[in-house]
Amino acid sequence: MTRWLLTILLTTFLDISTKAQETPVWADSIPTPDTVKPKRNFLKKAGQAFDAVGEFLNGCDSTYITPQLYEFTTQMELSTWRDFYHMRSSITKNSMDIQSHYSTILGGYIYWNIFGFGYQWNLSDVGVRTGPNNSIGLRRTFVINTGRFFFEYFLFNSGRTANITKVSGLDLKNLDTRFTGLSSKCTGLTADYIFNHRHYSWPAAFGQSSVQRKNSGSFKLGFTWNHQHIKLDRSQLPLDISEKMDTTLLFNKVDYVDWAVSFGYGYNLVLRRNCLFAISLLPSLGYRGTDIQENERHHFSVRNISTDLVTRASLVWNNTKTFTGLMFELHTYSYRDRSFGLTNNYGMLKLIVGMNFVKKKEHKTPKQ
């Protein structure tokens, strides 16, 4: 009896064990093929989102614009730069004009996709120790250059060496007019929106990252912020002039912050294949806060409406791989109060040469 009972129990245990091996207890937790959800390809999703952003920023009509075909761009530039200052006394109606010496600037940009960084040096500073009689010209720039938007942040110092070209009531002939006591530092940013971005290419005209194929123009809406600091060292004025001139024309420091909204127009004229002439005018209206120190005792602040104008023009040849061109840029800033006025212009003419490299994946020719 006992033997038969043990035999039954052993047979039952082996049968249960065999079934357990064939069907694990956790089998119910394993999803069937019908319930398995496909894994999300996050890299693919991210790539699609990046492509959508790229299309939003740079999407264009290819019959009017050839977009940037490459990932990287290098650009070298040689430019000449000059500052102009006009000072006027509202009390005596006298005025004085100062022009800086031409500064020769060498520098360049490097771009990755839409992002660029530029650095320029004044060649007259090479090998020269900084001092009161040499210029200190230097410019650094960060840009975001797309078909729809343009953004630029910059810092620059102007040269110190200048000439006094006009003083009311004085004949400057045969007088020493060299002046080394005027300097300017400026920090600013510019942001522009291009309305007709599918037909008009701002980068083709001033960024060299695309090519305009048909004539087109566009209105532009912009915002600018500038902080400029101008110093005049009276001790550096030529003696013959300082003893005879109207002292109400002089100041020690002018420090201003300018916020402005601009609305203007740009036009690209295709002269022939790969060759473009472009011009852009951006008048602006804004608010300016100015602090003026006329001398050690007299200091005042002015808060008023400001009007400025930025003019740009370019002549560019670009075959999508290499490019070269000439560019002109002129900025005008003015400050006024009841007794004193100062207008500051600076102009730049530059020659550029550059190339694009590492073609974007979507523009590569498929291998046969």
Protein backbone atom coordinates (compact mmCIF):
# COMPACT_ATOMS: atom_id res chain seq x y z
CA MET A 1 0.00 0.00 0.00
CA THR A 2 2.73 2.38 0.99
CA ARG A 3 4.69 1.46 -2.15
CA TRP A 4 1.71 2.24 -4.39
CA LEU A 5 1.09 5.55 -2.62
CA LEU A 6 4.70 6.66 -3.09
CA THR A 7 4.54 5.68 -6.76
CA ILE A 8 1.38 7.83 -7.30
CA LEU A 9 2.87 10.84 -5.48
CA LEU A 10 6.16 10.63 -7.43
CA THR A 11 4.32 10.35 -10.75
CA THR A 12 2.12 13.37 -9.91
CA PHE A 13 5.20 15.48 -8.89
CA LEU A 14 7.06 14.63 -12.11
CA ASP A 15 4.00 15.51 -14.19
CA ILE A 16 3.66 18.90 -12.48
CA SER A 17 7.38 19.61 -12.85
CA THR A 18 7.29 18.80 -16.56
CA LYS A 19 4.34 21.15 -17.13
CA ALA A 20 6.07 23.84 -15.08
CA GLN A 21 9.14 23.61 -17.32
CA GLU A 22 6.97 23.75 -20.43
CA THR A 23 4.91 26.78 -19.24
CA PRO A 24 6.68 29.13 -16.78
CA VAL A 25 4.55 30.78 -14.12
CA TRP A 26 5.47 34.21 -15.49
CA ALA A 27 4.31 33.37 -18.98
CA ASP A 28 1.16 35.46 -18.52
CA SER A 29 3.37 38.57 -18.10
CA ILE A 30 5.05 38.14 -21.54
CA PRO A 31 3.22 40.25 -24.14
CA THR A 32 2.01 38.53 -27.25
CA PRO A 33 3.13 39.82 -30.66
CA ASP A 34 -0.21 41.62 -30.99
CA THR A 35 0.39 43.63 -27.81
CA VAL A 36 4.07 44.55 -28.39
CA LYS A 37 4.43 48.35 -29.02
CA PRO A 38 7.18 49.48 -31.41
CA LYS A 39 10.00 51.38 -29.73
CA ARG A 40 10.19 55.07 -30.49
CA ASN A 41 13.23 56.11 -32.45
CA PHE A 42 14.17 59.24 -30.53
CA LEU A 43 17.07 60.08 -32.85
CA LYS A 44 14.74 59.93 -35.83
CA LYS A 45 12.19 62.14 -34.08
CA ALA A 46 14.90 64.62 -33.12
CA GLY A 47 16.16 64.66 -36.70
CA GLN A 48 12.67 65.34 -38.02
CA ALA A 49 12.24 68.19 -35.53
CA PHE A 50 15.62 69.65 -36.53
CA ASP A 51 14.65 69.45 -40.21
CA ALA A 52 11.35 71.21 -39.47
CA VAL A 53 13.16 74.03 -37.67
CA GLY A 54 15.64 74.29 -40.55
CA GLU A 55 12.79 74.52 -43.06
CA PHE A 56 11.12 77.23 -40.95
CA LEU A 57 14.32 79.30 -40.73
CA ASN A 58 15.74 78.76 -44.23
CA GLY A 59 12.88 77.49 -46.37
CA CYS A 60 12.84 79.23 -49.76
CA ASP A 61 11.65 79.09 -53.35
CA SER A 62 14.53 77.33 -55.11
CA THR A 63 13.82 79.18 -58.37
CA TYR A 64 14.77 82.41 -56.56
CA ILE A 65 17.35 81.20 -54.03
CA THR A 66 19.90 78.40 -53.85
CA PRO A 67 20.16 77.62 -50.10
CA GLN A 68 23.37 76.91 -48.22
CA LEU A 69 24.63 73.51 -49.38
CA TYR A 70 27.47 73.11 -46.86
CA GLU A 71 27.89 72.75 -43.11
CA PHE A 72 30.90 75.06 -42.64
CA THR A 73 32.08 78.39 -44.03
CA THR A 74 35.35 80.26 -43.59
CA GLN A 75 35.66 83.90 -44.61
CA MET A 76 38.62 86.29 -44.62
CA GLU A 77 38.15 90.02 -44.92
CA LEU A 78 40.28 93.12 -45.36
CA SER A 79 38.52 96.38 -44.57
CA THR A 80 39.07 100.07 -44.09
CA TRP A 81 37.20 101.88 -41.36
CA ARG A 82 36.69 105.56 -40.50
CA ASP A 83 34.81 107.56 -37.84
CA PHE A 84 33.25 111.00 -38.30
CA TYR A 85 32.19 113.33 -35.48
CA HIS A 86 30.22 116.60 -35.76
CA MET A 87 29.83 118.70 -32.58
CA ARG A 88 27.56 121.73 -32.42
CA SER A 89 26.74 124.25 -29.69
CA SER A 90 23.08 125.25 -29.59
CA ILE A 91 24.08 128.35 -27.60
CA THR A 92 26.73 129.88 -29.88
CA LYS A 93 25.74 128.00 -33.09
CA ASN A 94 29.41 127.10 -33.61
CA SER A 95 30.52 123.64 -34.72
CA MET A 96 33.57 121.40 -35.02
CA ASP A 97 34.23 118.36 -37.23
CA ILE A 98 36.67 115.54 -36.49
CA GLN A 99 37.58 112.63 -38.77
CA SER A 100 39.55 109.61 -37.66
CA HIS A 101 42.44 108.33 -39.76
CA TYR A 102 41.63 105.34 -41.93
CA SER A 103 42.12 102.08 -40.05
CA THR A 104 43.05 98.95 -42.02
CA ILE A 105 41.37 95.92 -40.51
CA LEU A 106 42.19 92.25 -41.11
CA GLY A 107 39.98 89.50 -39.81
CA GLY A 108 37.45 86.87 -40.67
CA TYR A 109 34.50 84.69 -39.77
CA ILE A 110 33.91 81.00 -39.29
CA TYR A 111 30.38 79.61 -39.63
CA TRP A 112 28.84 76.33 -38.58
CA ASN A 113 25.44 76.03 -40.21
CA ILE A 114 23.62 79.27 -39.21
CA PHE A 115 26.03 80.30 -36.41
CA GLY A 116 29.07 82.50 -37.02
CA PHE A 117 31.85 84.18 -35.08
CA GLY A 118 34.02 87.01 -36.38
CA TYR A 119 37.18 88.71 -35.15
CA GLN A 120 39.00 91.67 -36.71
CA TRP A 121 42.28 93.40 -35.81
CA ASN A 122 43.60 96.86 -36.67
CA LEU A 123 46.83 96.26 -38.59
CA SER A 124 48.32 99.53 -37.29
CA ASP A 125 48.34 97.92 -33.83
CA VAL A 126 50.43 94.92 -34.86
CA GLY A 127 53.71 95.08 -32.95
CA VAL A 128 52.78 98.41 -31.31
CA ARG A 129 52.27 98.82 -27.58
CA THR A 130 48.95 100.38 -26.61
CA GLY A 131 49.41 104.06 -25.87
CA PRO A 132 47.82 107.48 -26.28
CA ASN A 133 49.09 107.95 -29.83
CA ASN A 134 48.09 104.70 -31.51
CA SER A 135 44.71 103.38 -32.50
CA ILE A 136 42.97 100.59 -30.61
CA GLY A 137 40.59 99.35 -33.30
CA LEU A 138 39.13 95.90 -32.59
CA ARG A 139 35.83 94.22 -33.45
CA ARG A 140 34.26 90.95 -32.29
CA THR A 141 30.98 89.63 -33.67
CA PHE A 142 28.59 86.74 -33.08
CA VAL A 143 25.87 86.18 -35.70
CA ILE A 144 22.93 83.92 -36.43
CA ASN A 145 22.27 84.08 -40.16
CA THR A 146 19.08 82.54 -41.57
CA GLY A 147 16.75 83.33 -44.43
CA ARG A 148 13.95 84.46 -42.13
CA PHE A 149 15.91 86.04 -39.24
CA PHE A 150 19.23 87.81 -38.82
CA PHE A 151 20.85 88.36 -35.40
CA GLU A 152 24.17 90.07 -34.65
CA TYR A 153 25.93 90.89 -31.38
CA PHE A 154 29.08 92.99 -31.64
CA LEU A 155 31.72 94.87 -29.67
CA PHE A 156 34.16 97.33 -31.23
CA ASN A 157 36.70 99.99 -30.29
CA SER A 158 37.49 102.81 -32.69
CA GLY A 159 40.91 104.28 -33.45
CA ARG A 160 42.28 107.23 -31.46
CA THR A 161 44.23 109.00 -34.17
CA ALA A 162 42.16 111.69 -35.94
CA ASN A 163 42.25 115.11 -37.58
CA ILE A 164 40.23 118.21 -36.80
CA THR A 165 38.81 119.20 -40.19
CA LYS A 166 36.61 122.19 -39.31
CA VAL A 167 36.19 124.66 -36.43
CA SER A 168 33.79 127.60 -36.64
CA GLY A 169 35.64 130.93 -36.80
CA LEU A 170 39.08 129.37 -37.32
CA ASP A 171 41.20 129.04 -40.44
CA LEU A 172 42.90 125.66 -40.02
CA LYS A 173 45.30 126.18 -42.90
CA ASN A 174 48.92 125.80 -41.75
CA LEU A 175 47.77 124.72 -38.26
CA ASP A 176 48.51 121.41 -36.57
CA THR A 177 45.18 119.55 -36.73
CA ARG A 178 46.31 116.09 -35.57
CA PHE A 179 44.31 114.91 -32.56
CA THR A 180 44.81 111.69 -30.57
CA GLY A 181 42.39 112.29 -27.72
CA LEU A 182 39.12 110.90 -29.14
CA SER A 183 38.08 107.28 -28.60
CA SER A 184 34.86 105.31 -28.87
CA LYS A 185 33.70 101.94 -27.58
CA CYS A 186 30.42 100.37 -28.64
CA THR A 187 28.47 97.24 -27.72
CA GLY A 188 25.29 96.40 -29.56
CA LEU A 189 22.92 93.88 -31.01
CA THR A 190 20.69 93.81 -34.04
CA ALA A 191 17.79 91.50 -34.87
CA ASP A 192 15.95 91.68 -38.21
CA TYR A 193 12.95 89.83 -39.61
CA ILE A 194 12.73 89.36 -43.40
CA PHE A 195 9.14 89.32 -44.66
CA ASN A 196 9.69 88.02 -48.22
CA HIS A 197 12.24 85.43 -47.12
CA ARG A 198 11.17 82.80 -49.67
CA HIS A 199 12.16 85.05 -52.60
CA TYR A 200 14.64 87.55 -51.10
CA SER A 201 17.83 86.29 -49.45
CA TRP A 202 19.55 88.44 -46.86
CA PRO A 203 22.33 85.81 -46.44
CA ALA A 204 23.04 85.93 -50.19
CA ALA A 205 23.66 89.68 -49.96
CA PHE A 206 25.48 90.00 -46.64
CA GLY A 207 26.14 86.51 -45.28
CA GLN A 208 27.31 84.54 -48.35
CA SER A 209 25.54 81.40 -47.17
CA SER A 210 23.11 81.23 -50.11
CA VAL A 211 22.86 82.49 -53.70
CA GLN A 212 20.18 84.76 -55.17
CA ARG A 213 19.02 83.51 -58.58
CA LYS A 214 16.30 86.06 -59.49
CA ASN A 215 15.81 89.74 -58.63
CA SER A 216 13.79 90.27 -55.47
CA GLY A 217 13.29 92.65 -52.57
CA SER A 218 11.74 92.60 -49.12
CA PHE A 219 10.63 94.83 -46.30
CA LYS A 220 12.44 94.23 -43.01
CA LEU A 221 11.48 94.82 -39.42
CA GLY A 222 14.32 95.17 -36.94
CA PHE A 223 15.28 95.87 -33.36
CA THR A 224 18.58 97.39 -32.26
CA TRP A 225 20.28 98.06 -28.95
CA ASN A 226 23.49 100.07 -28.70
CA HIS A 227 25.63 101.21 -25.80
CA GLN A 228 28.32 103.68 -26.90
CA HIS A 229 30.94 105.42 -24.79
CA ILE A 230 32.86 108.34 -26.35
CA LYS A 231 35.74 110.14 -24.60
CA LEU A 232 37.46 113.38 -25.58
CA ASP A 233 40.80 114.19 -23.92
CA ARG A 234 41.09 117.98 -24.11
CA SER A 235 44.77 117.89 -23.18
CA GLN A 236 45.50 116.28 -26.57
CA LEU A 237 44.02 119.18 -28.59
CA PRO A 238 46.59 121.16 -30.61
CA LEU A 239 47.51 124.30 -28.70
CA ASP A 240 46.77 126.65 -31.61
CA ILE A 241 43.23 125.34 -31.77
CA SER A 242 42.38 124.87 -28.09
CA GLU A 243 43.28 128.50 -27.25
CA LYS A 244 40.99 129.96 -29.91
CA MET A 245 38.02 127.61 -30.24
CA ASP A 246 34.59 127.81 -28.65
CA THR A 247 34.82 125.72 -25.47
CA THR A 248 31.07 124.96 -25.51
CA LEU A 249 31.86 122.53 -28.36
CA LEU A 250 33.93 120.34 -26.06
CA PHE A 251 32.94 117.56 -23.71
CA ASN A 252 34.72 115.02 -21.55
CA LYS A 253 32.48 111.99 -21.99
CA VAL A 254 29.30 110.97 -23.78
CA ASP A 255 27.69 107.72 -22.67
CA TYR A 256 24.43 106.64 -24.28
CA VAL A 257 22.11 103.64 -24.47
CA ASP A 258 19.83 103.41 -27.47
CA TRP A 259 16.79 101.16 -28.02
CA ALA A 260 15.19 101.40 -31.45
CA VAL A 261 12.78 99.71 -33.83
CA SER A 262 13.67 99.90 -37.51
CA PHE A 263 11.64 99.32 -40.64
CA GLY A 264 13.27 99.37 -44.04
CA TYR A 265 13.75 97.70 -47.38
CA GLY A 266 16.40 95.62 -49.10
CA TYR A 267 16.74 94.69 -52.75
CA ASN A 268 18.90 92.06 -54.49
CA LEU A 269 19.72 92.63 -58.15
CA VAL A 270 21.16 89.61 -60.00
CA LEU A 271 23.58 91.06 -62.56
CA ARG A 272 24.45 87.67 -64.05
CA ARG A 273 24.64 84.08 -62.84
CA ASN A 274 26.34 83.94 -59.40
CA CYS A 275 26.86 87.76 -59.40
CA LEU A 276 24.73 89.95 -57.12
CA PHE A 277 24.39 93.64 -56.25
CA ALA A 278 22.44 94.38 -53.05
CA ILE A 279 21.41 97.46 -51.09
CA SER A 280 19.61 97.79 -47.76
CA LEU A 281 18.28 100.89 -45.96
CA LEU A 282 17.03 100.63 -42.37
CA PRO A 283 15.81 103.88 -40.79
CA SER A 284 14.99 103.51 -37.10
CA LEU A 285 13.00 105.31 -34.44
CA GLY A 286 13.70 104.69 -30.78
CA TYR A 287 14.43 105.86 -27.28
CA ARG A 288 17.83 107.12 -26.17
CA GLY A 289 19.22 107.79 -22.74
CA THR A 290 22.36 109.97 -22.88
CA ASP A 291 24.72 110.99 -20.09
CA ILE A 292 27.04 113.87 -21.04
CA GLN A 293 29.93 115.19 -18.98
CA GLU A 294 30.94 118.54 -20.46
CA ASN A 295 33.60 119.14 -17.83
CA GLU A 296 34.50 118.11 -14.28
CA ARG A 297 31.65 120.18 -12.82
CA HIS A 298 28.91 120.01 -15.40
CA HIS A 299 27.17 116.70 -15.92
CA PHE A 300 23.64 116.14 -17.22
CA SER A 301 21.38 113.44 -18.64
CA VAL A 302 19.03 113.52 -21.61
CA ARG A 303 16.13 111.19 -22.35
CA ASN A 304 14.60 111.64 -25.79
CA ILE A 305 13.45 110.10 -29.06
CA SER A 306 16.26 108.96 -31.37
CA THR A 307 16.50 108.58 -35.13
CA ASP A 308 19.24 106.59 -36.85
CA LEU A 309 19.99 105.08 -40.24
CA VAL A 310 21.92 101.96 -41.20
CA THR A 311 22.96 101.70 -44.86
CA ARG A 312 24.47 98.56 -46.40
CA ALA A 313 25.48 97.67 -49.94
CA SER A 314 27.36 94.72 -51.47
CA LEU A 315 28.66 93.35 -54.76
CA VAL A 316 29.18 89.57 -54.45
CA TRP A 317 30.17 86.65 -56.67
CA ASN A 318 29.21 83.24 -55.23
CA ASN A 319 29.13 79.84 -56.99
CA THR A 320 27.97 78.05 -53.76
CA LYS A 321 31.48 76.65 -53.15
CA THR A 322 33.64 79.81 -53.13
CA PHE A 323 32.77 83.51 -52.97
CA THR A 324 34.29 86.98 -53.05
CA GLY A 325 32.88 90.47 -52.86
CA LEU A 326 32.92 94.10 -51.76
CA MET A 327 30.72 95.46 -48.97
CA PHE A 328 29.95 98.91 -47.64
CA GLU A 329 28.35 99.74 -44.29
CA LEU A 330 27.48 103.11 -42.77
CA HIS A 331 26.00 103.80 -39.32
CA THR A 332 24.70 107.17 -38.14
CA TYR A 333 24.11 108.08 -34.47
CA SER A 334 23.08 111.50 -33.16
CA TYR A 335 22.58 113.04 -29.69
CA ARG A 336 20.90 116.36 -28.89
CA ASP A 337 19.93 118.50 -25.92
CA ARG A 338 19.12 122.19 -25.50
CA SER A 339 22.76 123.30 -25.53
CA PHE A 340 24.84 120.58 -27.19
CA GLY A 341 24.66 118.20 -30.14
CA LEU A 342 26.90 115.38 -31.34
CA THR A 343 26.57 113.30 -34.52
CA ASN A 344 28.76 110.22 -34.88
CA ASN A 345 29.06 108.30 -38.16
CA TYR A 346 31.30 105.35 -38.88
CA GLY A 347 31.75 103.79 -42.27
CA MET A 348 33.41 100.57 -43.40
CA LEU A 349 34.42 99.22 -46.81
CA LYS A 350 35.60 95.61 -46.91
CA LEU A 351 36.84 92.98 -49.33
CA ILE A 352 35.82 89.40 -48.53
CA VAL A 353 37.04 86.01 -49.78
CA GLY A 354 35.77 82.68 -48.54
CA MET A 355 34.75 79.10 -49.17
CA ASN A 356 32.22 76.52 -48.00
CA PHE A 357 33.07 72.92 -47.18
CA VAL A 358 31.55 69.63 -45.91
CA LYS A 359 28.40 69.33 -48.01
CA LYS A 360 25.18 68.72 -46.10
CA LYS A 361 23.83 65.19 -46.22
CA GLU A 362 20.59 66.17 -47.98
CA HIS A 363 22.54 67.88 -50.78
CA LYS A 364 25.06 65.12 -51.47
CA THR A 365 24.83 63.36 -54.82
CA PRO A 366 23.75 59.74 -54.29
CA LYS A 367 26.41 57.17 -55.19
CA GLN A 368 25.56 54.97 -58.14
